[in-house]
């Protein structure tokens, strides 16, 4: 990593710190200066006090006054430090963590869905999401530590140098030794972090399986719980195999460092005893060196390790920065004016659309179509034919590998494709919110009416009337023990209500009746048919009996549009659509 990049990442995090907590650096700078002055005062006081008692025989009153002044100054410094550490910093860190989480959560949902197919991106995202935001202030803390260490080092160096240069030399040796050991340990830590990232993600997934209520049913009825327990054991064994050598290396290096510390300490004691016997130093100076040698060494170590620490922190900051700055989901412009040569009106134009999930095999191949946004459109076909992928491309969730999509909506003030669609996909999710918030979070002044209309549209009104707090009843038990669990069909109705309440010009429903009972299914389709008189509806379904009222049918096969036209046209052609519809009608008659 280049020096410019390292400081770039650190300065970027510091800029975010200034936005999250402008006072943090100022108050901690004052605390750093006060703490440094207090440390130097403490070193000088004890040296002078010991020599004063041994060599001058002062009065008890003089000693008492000295102690009182020293005690008052140090108590004031410690009180200020404790207030900064335990009150101010904790309060500000809550702001910093909240700012960080909000930033990461906001930025992560903007990214292209294709990025989630990359393990490298998932590792970076895992690191960024599960981090609390310490890196926002780590560089500022390191700078303040450097300033404090330099001032303290110069003060202690002056005192030690006056006694004997060998103590300064020994402190430098000890600091260099600690720096080498710390650098090696930090390098090993980062290597272990990189190696273990995938294992941590898998562990988190397994933890969630046994924690979230939504998985309990499957874990109870199928023996998959034992499988994941064995997977957990395998991951732990894999962790040990990957980390065993690094752990042993860390232990050995730590043992060597401690042995070196013991040797340096013993050497200092021997030299101090010789100087004291010869009368070259006082007892106070003897105590000062022995007591503060480690302190001097630590100051030297902090100064030397400032740049390596900045480098090490930047490695982790890079993941956070890459998540923040990686390519976002791109909103597509909606044209609000009709071109002179355009007679299509409001529509979506797809031309030669191609898409591949893995960059090798195309799921869609050269799909060209014009979808009028004033009609009911049915997208049908066998499983795996590309229907849902086509819809996700229309929504802009995926970026076409090739081809273009153009949105035209004359006489409407719609800026981008996100303002064009309301949608319910097959893989919808129900959240630990109230029924109302699951349907329309942060409602405006007309939100209550939109929520009630949506509940009636999807046929959920009877269920809502039986809930303890009606539409304000919390779902799932993640945040509230009394949370209610809906059935599969009720969850699907909630997802449909969510799409309806958004109230956009185009409503996209992907298999909206998959979990509904026949009566609810028939009522919903009738409402969808009625709704399509006021807005465009794109219905993705396997059940072709519900496509008879469609204005346009797109029949997908092997990632391409095999047939396109009105239901009557396709039936008269006796092609794939007519064959599939006939088979479904025969099956329904047999079941009846």
Protein backbone atom coordinates (compact mmCIF):
# COMPACT_ATOMS: atom_id res chain seq x y z
CA UNK A 1 0.00 0.00 0.00
CA UNK A 2 1.41 3.39 -0.99
CA UNK A 3 2.08 6.14 1.57
CA UNK A 4 -0.41 8.45 -0.14
CA UNK A 5 -3.14 5.82 0.09
CA UNK A 6 -2.36 5.10 3.75
CA UNK A 7 -2.70 8.72 4.82
CA UNK A 8 -5.63 9.14 2.44
CA UNK A 9 -7.61 6.43 4.25
CA UNK A 10 -6.68 7.87 7.66
CA UNK A 11 -7.60 11.42 6.68
CA UNK A 12 -10.89 10.22 5.19
CA UNK A 13 -11.82 8.56 8.51
CA UNK A 14 -10.75 11.73 10.39
CA UNK A 15 -13.03 13.84 8.16
CA UNK A 16 -15.90 11.57 9.12
CA UNK A 17 -14.87 11.98 12.78
CA UNK A 18 -15.11 15.77 12.44
CA UNK A 19 -18.65 15.37 11.06
CA UNK A 20 -19.67 12.89 13.75
CA UNK A 21 -18.07 14.64 16.74
CA UNK A 22 -16.29 17.99 16.13
CA UNK A 23 -15.40 18.36 19.84
CA UNK A 24 -13.68 14.97 20.15
CA UNK A 25 -10.21 16.04 18.94
CA UNK A 26 -10.22 19.36 20.85
CA UNK A 27 -11.10 17.89 24.24
CA UNK A 28 -8.76 14.92 23.85
CA UNK A 29 -5.92 17.26 22.82
CA UNK A 30 -6.35 19.19 26.08
CA UNK A 31 -6.46 15.91 28.01
CA UNK A 32 -3.27 14.74 26.29
CA UNK A 33 -1.36 17.92 27.25
CA UNK A 34 -2.61 17.79 30.86
CA UNK A 35 -1.74 14.09 31.14
CA UNK A 36 1.78 14.64 29.79
CA UNK A 37 2.45 17.51 32.20
CA UNK A 38 1.14 15.38 35.09
CA UNK A 39 3.45 12.48 34.18
CA UNK A 40 6.57 14.67 34.04
CA UNK A 41 5.58 16.31 37.34
CA UNK A 42 5.18 12.89 38.95
CA UNK A 43 8.67 11.76 37.83
CA UNK A 44 10.35 14.91 39.12
CA UNK A 45 8.38 15.02 42.37
CA UNK A 46 9.31 11.54 43.59
CA UNK A 47 12.96 11.93 42.66
CA UNK A 48 13.23 15.27 44.50
CA UNK A 49 11.23 14.00 47.47
CA UNK A 50 13.43 10.94 48.02
CA UNK A 51 16.64 12.98 47.77
CA UNK A 52 15.15 15.69 50.00
CA UNK A 53 14.27 13.17 52.73
CA UNK A 54 17.61 11.33 52.58
CA UNK A 55 20.05 14.18 52.11
CA UNK A 56 18.45 17.35 53.56
CA UNK A 57 16.37 16.20 56.57
CA UNK A 58 13.44 18.60 55.86
CA UNK A 59 10.66 19.38 58.32
CA UNK A 60 7.44 17.40 58.33
CA UNK A 61 5.53 20.58 57.46
CA UNK A 62 7.59 21.14 54.30
CA UNK A 63 7.03 17.53 53.18
CA UNK A 64 3.31 17.81 53.95
CA UNK A 65 2.92 21.02 51.94
CA UNK A 66 4.80 19.47 49.00
CA UNK A 67 2.59 16.39 49.13
CA UNK A 68 -0.56 18.52 49.34
CA UNK A 69 0.35 20.61 46.29
CA UNK A 70 1.38 17.53 44.35
CA UNK A 71 -1.80 15.72 45.37
CA UNK A 72 -4.04 18.62 44.35
CA UNK A 73 -2.41 19.04 40.93
CA UNK A 74 -2.39 15.30 40.16
CA UNK A 75 -5.95 14.86 41.44
CA UNK A 76 -7.15 17.67 39.18
CA UNK A 77 -5.35 16.10 36.19
CA UNK A 78 -6.74 12.62 36.98
CA UNK A 79 -10.25 13.98 37.53
CA UNK A 80 -10.14 15.71 34.16
CA UNK A 81 -8.76 12.54 32.51
CA UNK A 82 -11.48 10.40 34.10
CA UNK A 83 -14.18 12.82 32.97
CA UNK A 84 -12.80 12.78 29.41
CA UNK A 85 -12.38 8.99 29.34
CA UNK A 86 -15.51 7.83 31.16
CA UNK A 87 -18.02 10.58 30.42
CA UNK A 88 -17.10 12.74 27.44
CA UNK A 89 -15.51 10.03 25.25
CA UNK A 90 -18.21 7.46 25.96
CA UNK A 91 -20.89 10.00 25.09
CA UNK A 92 -19.11 11.07 21.91
CA UNK A 93 -18.32 7.48 20.92
CA UNK A 94 -22.03 6.73 20.92
CA UNK A 95 -22.44 9.54 18.42
CA UNK A 96 -19.47 8.31 16.40
CA UNK A 97 -20.74 4.71 16.34
CA UNK A 98 -24.23 5.86 15.37
CA UNK A 99 -22.82 8.05 12.61
CA UNK A 100 -20.62 5.20 11.37
CA UNK A 101 -23.39 2.59 11.36
CA UNK A 102 -25.79 4.94 9.62
CA UNK A 103 -23.15 5.72 7.00
CA UNK A 104 -22.30 2.05 6.36
CA UNK A 105 -25.92 0.90 6.30
CA UNK A 106 -26.89 3.77 3.98
CA UNK A 107 -23.98 3.20 1.60
CA UNK A 108 -24.18 -0.61 1.54
CA UNK A 109 -27.78 -0.65 0.26
CA UNK A 110 -26.78 1.57 -2.66
CA UNK A 111 -24.38 -1.00 -4.12
CA UNK A 112 -25.08 -3.10 -7.16
CA UNK A 113 -26.52 -6.51 -6.34
CA UNK A 114 -23.93 -8.10 -8.65
CA UNK A 115 -21.25 -7.15 -6.13
CA UNK A 116 -22.65 -9.68 -3.65
CA UNK A 117 -21.51 -12.49 -5.96
CA UNK A 118 -17.91 -11.48 -5.21
CA UNK A 119 -16.43 -13.08 -2.07
CA UNK A 120 -13.90 -10.24 -1.88
CA UNK A 121 -16.71 -7.69 -1.64
CA UNK A 122 -18.64 -9.80 0.88
CA UNK A 123 -15.51 -10.00 3.04
CA UNK A 124 -15.06 -6.21 2.88
CA UNK A 125 -18.73 -5.65 3.65
CA UNK A 126 -18.59 -8.09 6.58
CA UNK A 127 -15.60 -6.21 8.00
CA UNK A 128 -17.29 -2.84 7.52
CA UNK A 129 -20.74 -3.79 8.83
CA UNK A 130 -19.57 -5.66 11.93
CA UNK A 131 -17.10 -2.92 12.87
CA UNK A 132 -18.22 -0.34 15.43
CA UNK A 133 -16.48 2.69 13.95
CA UNK A 134 -13.29 2.83 16.06
CA UNK A 135 -11.26 3.60 12.95
CA UNK A 136 -12.98 6.97 12.65
CA UNK A 137 -11.02 8.26 15.65
CA UNK A 138 -8.01 5.90 15.71
CA UNK A 139 -5.81 8.21 13.60
CA UNK A 140 -6.66 11.21 15.78
CA UNK A 141 -5.82 9.18 18.89
CA UNK A 142 -2.54 8.07 17.31
CA UNK A 143 -1.62 11.69 16.51
CA UNK A 144 -2.39 12.81 20.06
CA UNK A 145 -0.41 9.86 21.40
CA UNK A 146 2.53 10.85 19.20
CA UNK A 147 2.43 14.44 20.47
CA UNK A 148 2.25 13.29 24.10
CA UNK A 149 5.03 10.74 23.59
CA UNK A 150 7.40 13.27 21.99
CA UNK A 151 6.96 15.79 24.84
CA UNK A 152 7.29 13.11 27.53
CA UNK A 153 10.24 11.48 25.77
CA UNK A 154 12.18 14.73 25.58
CA UNK A 155 11.53 15.41 29.27
CA UNK A 156 12.54 11.94 30.48
CA UNK A 157 15.45 11.81 28.03
CA UNK A 158 16.87 15.00 29.56
CA UNK A 159 16.69 13.47 33.05
CA UNK A 160 18.20 10.12 32.00
CA UNK A 161 20.93 11.67 29.85
CA UNK A 162 22.15 13.66 32.86
CA UNK A 163 22.76 10.38 34.73
CA UNK A 164 24.27 8.03 32.14
CA UNK A 165 23.82 7.55 28.38
CA UNK A 166 23.67 3.75 28.83
CA UNK A 167 20.10 4.00 30.17
CA UNK A 168 18.97 5.89 27.08
CA UNK A 169 20.75 3.34 24.91
CA UNK A 170 19.08 0.45 26.77
CA UNK A 171 15.69 2.15 26.43
CA UNK A 172 16.19 2.53 22.68
CA UNK A 173 17.17 -1.16 22.40
CA UNK A 174 14.11 -2.18 24.41
CA UNK A 175 11.83 0.04 22.30
CA UNK A 176 13.22 -1.26 19.01
CA UNK A 177 12.80 -4.82 20.24
CA UNK A 178 9.18 -4.09 21.18
CA UNK A 179 8.56 -2.41 17.83
CA UNK A 180 9.88 -5.41 15.91
CA UNK A 181 7.76 -7.78 18.00
CA UNK A 182 4.65 -5.56 17.67
CA UNK A 183 5.10 -5.27 13.90
CA UNK A 184 5.38 -9.02 13.54
CA UNK A 185 2.36 -9.59 15.79
CA UNK A 186 0.29 -7.01 13.88
CA UNK A 187 1.28 -8.59 10.59
CA UNK A 188 0.24 -12.01 11.89
CA UNK A 189 -3.03 -10.55 13.18
CA UNK A 190 -3.89 -9.10 9.77
CA UNK A 191 -2.95 -12.35 8.02
CA UNK A 192 -5.21 -14.23 10.45
CA UNK A 193 -7.94 -11.63 9.91
CA UNK A 194 -7.81 -12.14 6.14
CA UNK A 195 -7.70 -15.93 6.45
CA UNK A 196 -10.57 -16.04 8.95
CA UNK A 197 -12.93 -13.59 7.23
CA UNK A 198 -14.78 -16.28 5.28
CA UNK A 199 -14.95 -18.50 8.37
CA UNK A 200 -16.41 -15.61 10.42
CA UNK A 201 -19.09 -14.97 7.79
CA UNK A 202 -20.07 -18.64 7.79
CA UNK A 203 -20.10 -18.72 11.58
CA UNK A 204 -22.39 -15.68 11.63
CA UNK A 205 -24.76 -17.46 9.24
CA UNK A 206 -24.85 -20.55 11.47
CA UNK A 207 -25.40 -18.42 14.60
CA UNK A 208 -28.37 -16.75 12.89
CA UNK A 209 -29.88 -20.11 11.89
CA UNK A 210 -30.24 -21.14 15.51
CA UNK A 211 -31.16 -17.65 16.72
CA UNK A 212 -33.84 -16.39 14.34
CA UNK A 213 -37.36 -17.67 14.82
CA UNK A 214 -37.96 -18.00 11.06
CA UNK A 215 -35.56 -20.96 10.80
CA UNK A 216 -36.88 -22.99 13.76
CA UNK A 217 -39.60 -24.81 11.81
CA UNK A 218 -37.22 -26.28 9.22
CA UNK A 219 -34.59 -27.08 11.84
CA UNK A 220 -37.22 -28.99 13.84
CA UNK A 221 -38.75 -31.00 11.01
CA UNK A 222 -35.63 -31.71 8.98
CA UNK A 223 -32.24 -33.01 10.24
CA UNK A 224 -30.40 -30.00 8.84
CA UNK A 225 -29.59 -28.68 12.31
CA UNK A 226 -27.17 -31.55 12.86
CA UNK A 227 -25.61 -30.79 9.49
CA UNK A 228 -24.91 -27.19 10.47
CA UNK A 229 -23.57 -28.29 13.86
CA UNK A 230 -21.12 -30.51 11.99
CA UNK A 231 -20.37 -27.59 9.66
CA UNK A 232 -19.62 -25.45 12.72
CA UNK A 233 -17.25 -28.14 14.02
CA UNK A 234 -15.60 -28.30 10.59
CA UNK A 235 -15.16 -24.51 10.52
CA UNK A 236 -13.56 -24.55 13.97
CA UNK A 237 -11.19 -27.30 12.87
CA UNK A 238 -10.45 -25.35 9.70
CA UNK A 239 -9.79 -22.24 11.82
CA UNK A 240 -7.32 -24.16 13.97
CA UNK A 241 -5.53 -25.68 10.97
CA UNK A 242 -5.16 -22.27 9.33
CA UNK A 243 -4.15 -20.49 12.55
CA UNK A 244 -2.10 -23.14 14.34
CA UNK A 245 1.30 -22.13 12.97
CA UNK A 246 0.57 -18.42 13.39
CA UNK A 247 -0.58 -18.94 17.00
CA UNK A 248 2.55 -20.92 17.87
CA UNK A 249 4.73 -18.27 16.20
CA UNK A 250 3.04 -15.54 18.22
CA UNK A 251 3.61 -17.48 21.44
CA UNK A 252 7.29 -18.07 20.71
CA UNK A 253 7.93 -14.45 19.77
CA UNK A 254 6.15 -13.26 22.92
CA UNK A 255 8.33 -15.56 25.04
CA UNK A 256 11.52 -14.23 23.38
CA UNK A 257 10.38 -10.62 24.00
CA UNK A 258 9.75 -11.27 27.68
CA UNK A 259 13.13 -12.96 28.08
CA UNK A 260 14.80 -9.93 26.46
CA UNK A 261 12.88 -7.58 28.82
CA UNK A 262 14.12 -9.53 31.83
CA UNK A 263 17.74 -9.33 30.60
CA UNK A 264 17.53 -5.55 30.02
CA UNK A 265 15.95 -5.01 33.44
CA UNK A 266 18.67 -7.03 35.17
CA UNK A 267 21.37 -5.06 33.30
CA UNK A 268 19.82 -1.78 34.45
CA UNK A 269 19.81 -2.91 38.08
CA UNK A 270 23.51 -3.90 37.90
CA UNK A 271 24.56 -0.57 36.33
CA UNK A 272 22.47 1.45 38.80
CA UNK A 273 23.97 -0.39 41.76
CA UNK A 274 27.51 0.34 40.52
CA UNK A 275 26.73 4.05 40.00
CA UNK A 276 25.09 4.30 43.41
CA UNK A 277 28.04 2.61 45.17
CA UNK A 278 30.46 4.99 43.43
CA UNK A 279 28.34 7.97 44.50
CA UNK A 280 27.66 9.10 40.94
CA UNK A 281 23.88 9.08 41.43
CA UNK A 282 21.51 9.69 44.33
CA UNK A 283 18.96 7.26 45.72
CA UNK A 284 16.19 9.36 44.17
CA UNK A 285 17.83 9.10 40.75
CA UNK A 286 18.30 5.35 41.28
CA UNK A 287 14.55 5.04 41.96
CA UNK A 288 13.64 7.33 39.06
CA UNK A 289 15.53 5.27 36.48
CA UNK A 290 14.34 1.93 37.78
CA UNK A 291 10.72 3.10 38.04
CA UNK A 292 10.49 5.02 34.76
CA UNK A 293 12.74 3.01 32.44
CA UNK A 294 9.77 1.14 30.99
CA UNK A 295 8.00 4.49 30.59
CA UNK A 296 10.87 5.95 28.55
CA UNK A 297 11.01 2.79 26.47
CA UNK A 298 7.29 3.01 25.82
CA UNK A 299 7.60 6.65 24.66
CA UNK A 300 10.33 5.68 22.20
CA UNK A 301 8.23 2.72 21.07
CA UNK A 302 5.17 4.89 20.45
CA UNK A 303 7.22 7.35 18.40
CA UNK A 304 8.82 4.59 16.32
CA UNK A 305 5.55 2.66 15.96
CA UNK A 306 3.45 5.64 14.90
CA UNK A 307 3.89 5.06 11.18
CA UNK A 308 3.61 1.23 11.33
CA UNK A 309 0.43 1.62 13.43
CA UNK A 310 -0.98 4.03 10.85
CA UNK A 311 -0.11 1.52 8.12
CA UNK A 312 -1.71 -1.39 10.00
CA UNK A 313 -4.90 0.59 10.65
CA UNK A 314 -5.10 1.62 7.00
CA UNK A 315 -5.35 -2.03 5.94
CA UNK A 316 -8.64 -2.35 7.81
CA UNK A 317 -9.78 1.14 6.81
CA UNK A 318 -9.35 0.18 3.16
CA UNK A 319 -12.20 -2.33 3.46
CA UNK A 320 -14.46 0.37 4.94
CA UNK A 321 -13.42 2.93 2.32
CA UNK A 322 -13.92 0.44 -0.52
CA UNK A 323 -17.47 -0.28 0.66
CA UNK A 324 -18.24 3.45 0.89
CA UNK A 325 -16.76 4.31 -2.52
CA UNK A 326 -17.45 1.18 -4.55
CA UNK A 327 -19.78 1.56 -7.52
CA UNK A 328 -23.37 2.30 -6.58
CA UNK A 329 -26.60 1.08 -8.07
CA UNK A 330 -27.27 3.49 -10.91
CA UNK A 331 -30.71 5.08 -11.16
CA UNK A 332 -31.96 5.28 -14.73
CA UNK A 333 -33.47 8.49 -16.03
CA UNK A 334 -37.12 8.45 -17.06
CA UNK A 335 -37.93 10.60 -20.09
CA UNK A 336 -40.91 12.84 -19.38
CA UNK A 337 -41.28 14.27 -22.90
CA UNK A 338 -42.43 12.49 -26.01
CA UNK A 339 -40.09 12.70 -28.98
CA UNK A 340 -41.54 13.96 -32.26
CA UNK A 341 -41.01 10.59 -33.95
CA UNK A 342 -42.20 8.53 -30.98
CA UNK A 343 -45.75 7.19 -31.13
CA UNK A 344 -45.36 4.65 -28.33
CA UNK A 345 -46.30 6.93 -25.42
CA UNK A 346 -45.48 5.73 -21.90
CA UNK A 347 -43.43 2.57 -22.26
CA UNK A 348 -40.26 0.65 -21.42
CA UNK A 349 -38.09 -0.14 -24.42
CA UNK A 350 -35.72 -3.10 -24.15
CA UNK A 351 -33.26 -3.66 -26.93
CA UNK A 352 -30.95 -6.68 -27.27
CA UNK A 353 -30.86 -7.27 -23.50
CA UNK A 354 -28.33 -9.84 -22.34
CA UNK A 355 -27.43 -10.79 -18.78
CA UNK A 356 -25.08 -13.23 -17.08
CA UNK A 357 -24.65 -13.88 -13.37
CA UNK A 358 -21.20 -15.46 -13.67
CA UNK A 359 -19.87 -13.59 -16.70
CA UNK A 360 -19.86 -16.82 -18.75
CA UNK A 361 -23.35 -18.19 -19.31
CA UNK A 362 -26.14 -15.83 -20.36
CA UNK A 363 -29.44 -16.08 -18.50
CA UNK A 364 -31.03 -13.66 -20.97
CA UNK A 365 -30.18 -13.53 -24.67
CA UNK A 366 -30.97 -10.56 -26.93
CA UNK A 367 -34.36 -9.72 -25.43
CA UNK A 368 -36.07 -6.95 -27.38
CA UNK A 369 -39.53 -5.70 -26.40
CA UNK A 370 -41.66 -2.60 -25.95
CA UNK A 371 -43.78 -2.70 -22.78
CA UNK A 372 -46.65 -0.15 -22.86
CA UNK A 373 -47.20 1.32 -19.40
CA UNK A 374 -50.95 1.71 -19.85
CA UNK A 375 -51.80 -2.00 -20.03
CA UNK A 376 -51.69 -5.24 -18.11
CA UNK A 377 -48.67 -7.30 -19.13
CA UNK A 378 -48.16 -10.97 -18.25
CA UNK A 379 -44.66 -12.47 -18.19
CA UNK A 380 -44.90 -16.26 -18.32
CA UNK A 381 -42.78 -19.32 -18.97
CA UNK A 382 -41.32 -22.41 -17.35
CA UNK A 383 -39.09 -22.29 -14.28
CA UNK A 384 -35.62 -20.97 -15.10
CA UNK A 385 -36.73 -19.38 -18.35
CA UNK A 386 -35.49 -15.91 -17.28
CA UNK A 387 -38.78 -14.22 -16.23
CA UNK A 388 -37.66 -12.98 -12.81
CA UNK A 389 -34.21 -11.97 -14.10
CA UNK A 390 -35.92 -9.92 -16.83
CA UNK A 391 -38.08 -8.15 -14.22
CA UNK A 392 -35.05 -7.42 -12.01
CA UNK A 393 -33.33 -5.85 -15.01
CA UNK A 394 -36.39 -3.66 -15.60
CA UNK A 395 -36.24 -2.59 -11.96
CA UNK A 396 -32.55 -1.76 -12.31
CA UNK A 397 -31.50 -4.24 -9.61
CA UNK A 398 -29.08 -5.75 -12.11
CA UNK A 399 -27.08 -4.06 -14.86
CA UNK A 400 -27.46 -5.62 -18.32
CA UNK A 401 -24.37 -7.40 -19.62
CA UNK A 402 -25.33 -6.00 -23.02
CA UNK A 403 -28.21 -4.06 -24.51
CA UNK A 404 -30.21 -1.09 -23.26
CA UNK A 405 -33.38 -0.26 -21.32
CA UNK A 406 -35.11 3.06 -21.92
CA UNK A 407 -37.92 4.43 -19.75
CA UNK A 408 -40.46 6.85 -21.24
CA UNK A 409 -43.28 8.32 -19.18
CA UNK A 410 -44.65 11.48 -20.84
CA UNK A 411 -46.60 14.06 -18.86
CA UNK A 412 -45.47 12.64 -15.51
CA UNK A 413 -42.88 14.19 -13.22
CA UNK A 414 -40.89 11.01 -12.65
CA UNK A 415 -37.13 11.43 -12.38
CA UNK A 416 -35.83 7.85 -12.28
CA UNK A 417 -36.85 4.21 -12.48
CA UNK A 418 -37.13 3.85 -8.66
CA UNK A 419 -40.05 6.33 -8.77
CA UNK A 420 -41.68 4.34 -11.55
CA UNK A 421 -42.23 0.95 -9.92
CA UNK A 422 -44.02 -0.69 -7.02
CA UNK A 423 -42.87 -4.29 -6.74
CA UNK A 424 -43.32 -7.59 -4.96
CA UNK A 425 -40.70 -10.18 -5.87
CA UNK A 426 -40.80 -13.87 -5.00
CA UNK A 427 -37.99 -13.52 -2.46
CA UNK A 428 -39.70 -10.81 -0.38
CA UNK A 429 -38.90 -10.38 3.33
CA UNK A 430 -41.04 -9.57 6.35
CA UNK A 431 -39.26 -7.40 8.94
CA UNK A 432 -39.41 -7.06 12.72
CA UNK A 433 -41.70 -4.03 12.44
CA UNK A 434 -45.41 -3.43 12.87
CA UNK A 435 -47.79 -4.56 10.14
CA UNK A 436 -48.25 -0.92 9.14
CA UNK A 437 -44.49 -0.23 9.00
CA UNK A 438 -43.94 -3.40 6.96
CA UNK A 439 -46.42 -2.02 4.45
CA UNK A 440 -45.40 1.66 4.45
CA UNK A 441 -42.54 2.81 6.70
CA UNK A 442 -42.36 6.52 7.51
CA UNK A 443 -45.86 7.29 6.13
CA UNK A 444 -46.78 10.83 5.09
CA UNK A 445 -50.03 12.59 6.05
CA UNK A 446 -52.01 10.36 3.68
CA UNK A 447 -50.06 7.28 4.75
CA UNK A 448 -52.73 5.91 7.10
CA UNK A 449 -55.30 5.81 4.32
CA UNK A 450 -52.81 4.22 1.89
CA UNK A 451 -52.00 1.54 4.46
CA UNK A 452 -55.68 0.75 5.04
CA UNK A 453 -56.38 0.66 1.30
CA UNK A 454 -53.43 -1.69 0.79
CA UNK A 455 -54.61 -4.00 3.60
CA UNK A 456 -58.06 -4.18 1.97
CA UNK A 457 -56.54 -4.73 -1.49
CA UNK A 458 -54.53 -7.77 -0.43
CA UNK A 459 -57.33 -9.26 1.71
CA UNK A 460 -55.59 -8.88 5.07
CA UNK A 461 -58.25 -6.78 6.84
CA UNK A 462 -59.84 -9.71 8.74
CA UNK A 463 -56.47 -10.81 10.11
CA UNK A 464 -55.52 -7.27 11.13
CA UNK A 465 -58.80 -6.91 13.08
CA UNK A 466 -57.85 -9.94 15.21
CA UNK A 467 -54.38 -8.62 16.10
CA UNK A 468 -53.83 -7.11 19.60
CA UNK A 469 -52.89 -3.64 18.33
CA UNK A 470 -54.36 -3.94 14.86
CA UNK A 471 -52.01 -2.68 12.15
CA UNK A 472 -49.61 -1.44 14.85
CA UNK A 473 -48.93 -5.01 16.07
CA UNK A 474 -45.23 -5.90 15.88
CA UNK A 475 -44.30 -8.90 13.74
CA UNK A 476 -41.70 -11.58 14.66
CA UNK A 477 -40.04 -11.78 18.07
CA UNK A 478 -36.68 -10.22 17.33
CA UNK A 479 -37.25 -6.89 19.14
CA UNK A 480 -40.43 -7.62 21.08
CA UNK A 481 -41.19 -10.87 22.88
CA UNK A 482 -44.90 -10.50 22.12
CA UNK A 483 -44.25 -10.21 18.38
CA UNK A 484 -46.80 -11.99 16.16
CA UNK A 485 -45.85 -14.53 13.49
CA UNK A 486 -47.96 -14.51 10.32
CA UNK A 487 -48.66 -17.56 8.19
CA UNK A 488 -47.01 -17.92 4.80
CA UNK A 489 -50.09 -16.68 2.97
CA UNK A 490 -50.50 -13.74 5.36
CA UNK A 491 -46.86 -12.80 4.84
CA UNK A 492 -47.40 -12.82 1.09
CA UNK A 493 -50.47 -10.62 1.47
CA UNK A 494 -48.37 -8.19 3.53
CA UNK A 495 -45.75 -8.09 0.76
CA UNK A 496 -48.50 -7.42 -1.82
CA UNK A 497 -49.89 -4.66 0.40
CA UNK A 498 -46.41 -3.12 0.57
CA UNK A 499 -46.25 -2.98 -3.23
CA UNK A 500 -49.76 -1.54 -3.50
CA UNK A 501 -49.17 1.14 -0.83
CA UNK A 502 -46.11 2.48 -2.62
CA UNK A 503 -48.54 3.69 -5.29
CA UNK A 504 -46.29 4.00 -8.33
CA UNK A 505 -47.40 4.11 -12.01
CA UNK A 506 -46.26 0.52 -12.62
CA UNK A 507 -47.06 -2.38 -10.27
CA UNK A 508 -44.88 -5.49 -10.67
CA UNK A 509 -46.04 -8.70 -8.97
CA UNK A 510 -43.88 -11.82 -9.19
CA UNK A 511 -46.01 -14.92 -8.45
CA UNK A 512 -48.35 -12.95 -6.13
CA UNK A 513 -50.68 -15.91 -5.48
CA UNK A 514 -48.08 -18.58 -4.77
CA UNK A 515 -48.98 -19.02 -1.07
CA UNK A 516 -52.62 -18.02 -1.17
CA UNK A 517 -55.66 -20.27 -0.82
CA UNK A 518 -57.85 -20.60 -3.97
CA UNK A 519 -60.48 -18.12 -2.74
CA UNK A 520 -57.91 -15.45 -1.79
CA UNK A 521 -56.09 -16.13 -5.04
CA UNK A 522 -59.22 -15.56 -7.15
CA UNK A 523 -60.13 -12.37 -5.27
CA UNK A 524 -56.61 -11.01 -5.66
CA UNK A 525 -56.52 -11.65 -9.40
CA UNK A 526 -59.90 -9.93 -9.77
CA UNK A 527 -58.56 -6.89 -7.90
CA UNK A 528 -55.41 -6.88 -10.05
CA UNK A 529 -57.56 -6.94 -13.20
CA UNK A 530 -59.61 -4.05 -11.84
CA UNK A 531 -56.45 -2.17 -10.80
CA UNK A 532 -54.94 -2.43 -14.28
CA UNK A 533 -57.62 -0.04 -15.54
CA UNK A 534 -55.89 2.79 -13.66
CA UNK A 535 -52.22 1.81 -13.87
CA UNK A 536 -49.91 -0.60 -15.60
CA UNK A 537 -49.51 -4.04 -14.04
CA UNK A 538 -46.72 -6.46 -14.91
CA UNK A 539 -47.69 -9.89 -13.63
CA UNK A 540 -45.09 -12.68 -13.52
CA UNK A 541 -46.87 -16.01 -13.12
CA UNK A 542 -46.83 -19.72 -13.88
CA UNK A 543 -50.62 -19.88 -13.85
CA UNK A 544 -51.67 -18.96 -17.38
CA UNK A 545 -55.36 -19.01 -16.50
CA UNK A 546 -54.79 -15.59 -14.89
CA UNK A 547 -53.33 -14.15 -18.08
CA UNK A 548 -56.55 -14.23 -20.11
CA UNK A 549 -57.33 -10.64 -19.20
CA UNK A 550 -53.84 -9.42 -20.04
CA UNK A 551 -53.31 -6.96 -22.88
CA UNK A 552 -49.87 -8.35 -23.69
CA UNK A 553 -48.20 -11.70 -22.91
CA UNK A 554 -44.45 -12.31 -23.06
CA UNK A 555 -43.63 -16.03 -23.12
CA UNK A 556 -40.03 -16.68 -22.05
CA UNK A 557 -38.04 -19.75 -22.99
CA UNK A 558 -34.30 -20.33 -22.47
CA UNK A 559 -33.67 -16.67 -21.65
CA UNK A 560 -35.44 -15.23 -24.70
CA UNK A 561 -38.95 -14.12 -25.66
CA UNK A 562 -40.31 -17.08 -27.63
CA UNK A 563 -43.79 -15.63 -28.13
CA UNK A 564 -45.30 -12.16 -27.73
CA UNK A 565 -48.84 -10.92 -28.26
CA UNK A 566 -52.31 -10.77 -26.76
CA UNK A 567 -53.69 -13.99 -25.20
CA UNK A 568 -56.11 -14.41 -28.11
CA UNK A 569 -53.31 -14.06 -30.67
CA UNK A 570 -51.11 -16.59 -28.88
CA UNK A 571 -53.95 -19.08 -28.49
CA UNK A 572 -54.78 -18.82 -32.19
CA UNK A 573 -51.12 -19.42 -33.07
CA UNK A 574 -51.25 -22.72 -31.12
CA UNK A 575 -47.68 -22.35 -29.98
CA UNK A 576 -45.96 -22.77 -26.62
CA UNK A 577 -48.38 -20.52 -24.72
CA UNK A 578 -51.45 -22.35 -26.03
CA UNK A 579 -49.92 -25.76 -25.22
CA UNK A 580 -48.99 -24.76 -21.65
CA UNK A 581 -52.42 -23.18 -21.07
CA UNK A 582 -54.21 -26.32 -22.33
CA UNK A 583 -52.16 -28.56 -20.05
CA UNK A 584 -52.96 -26.39 -17.03
CA UNK A 585 -56.68 -26.33 -17.85
CA UNK A 586 -56.75 -30.14 -18.16
CA UNK A 587 -54.95 -30.51 -14.81
CA UNK A 588 -57.37 -28.13 -13.11
CA UNK A 589 -60.37 -30.04 -14.54
CA UNK A 590 -58.89 -33.34 -13.33
CA UNK A 591 -58.30 -31.94 -9.85
CA UNK A 592 -61.86 -30.58 -9.74
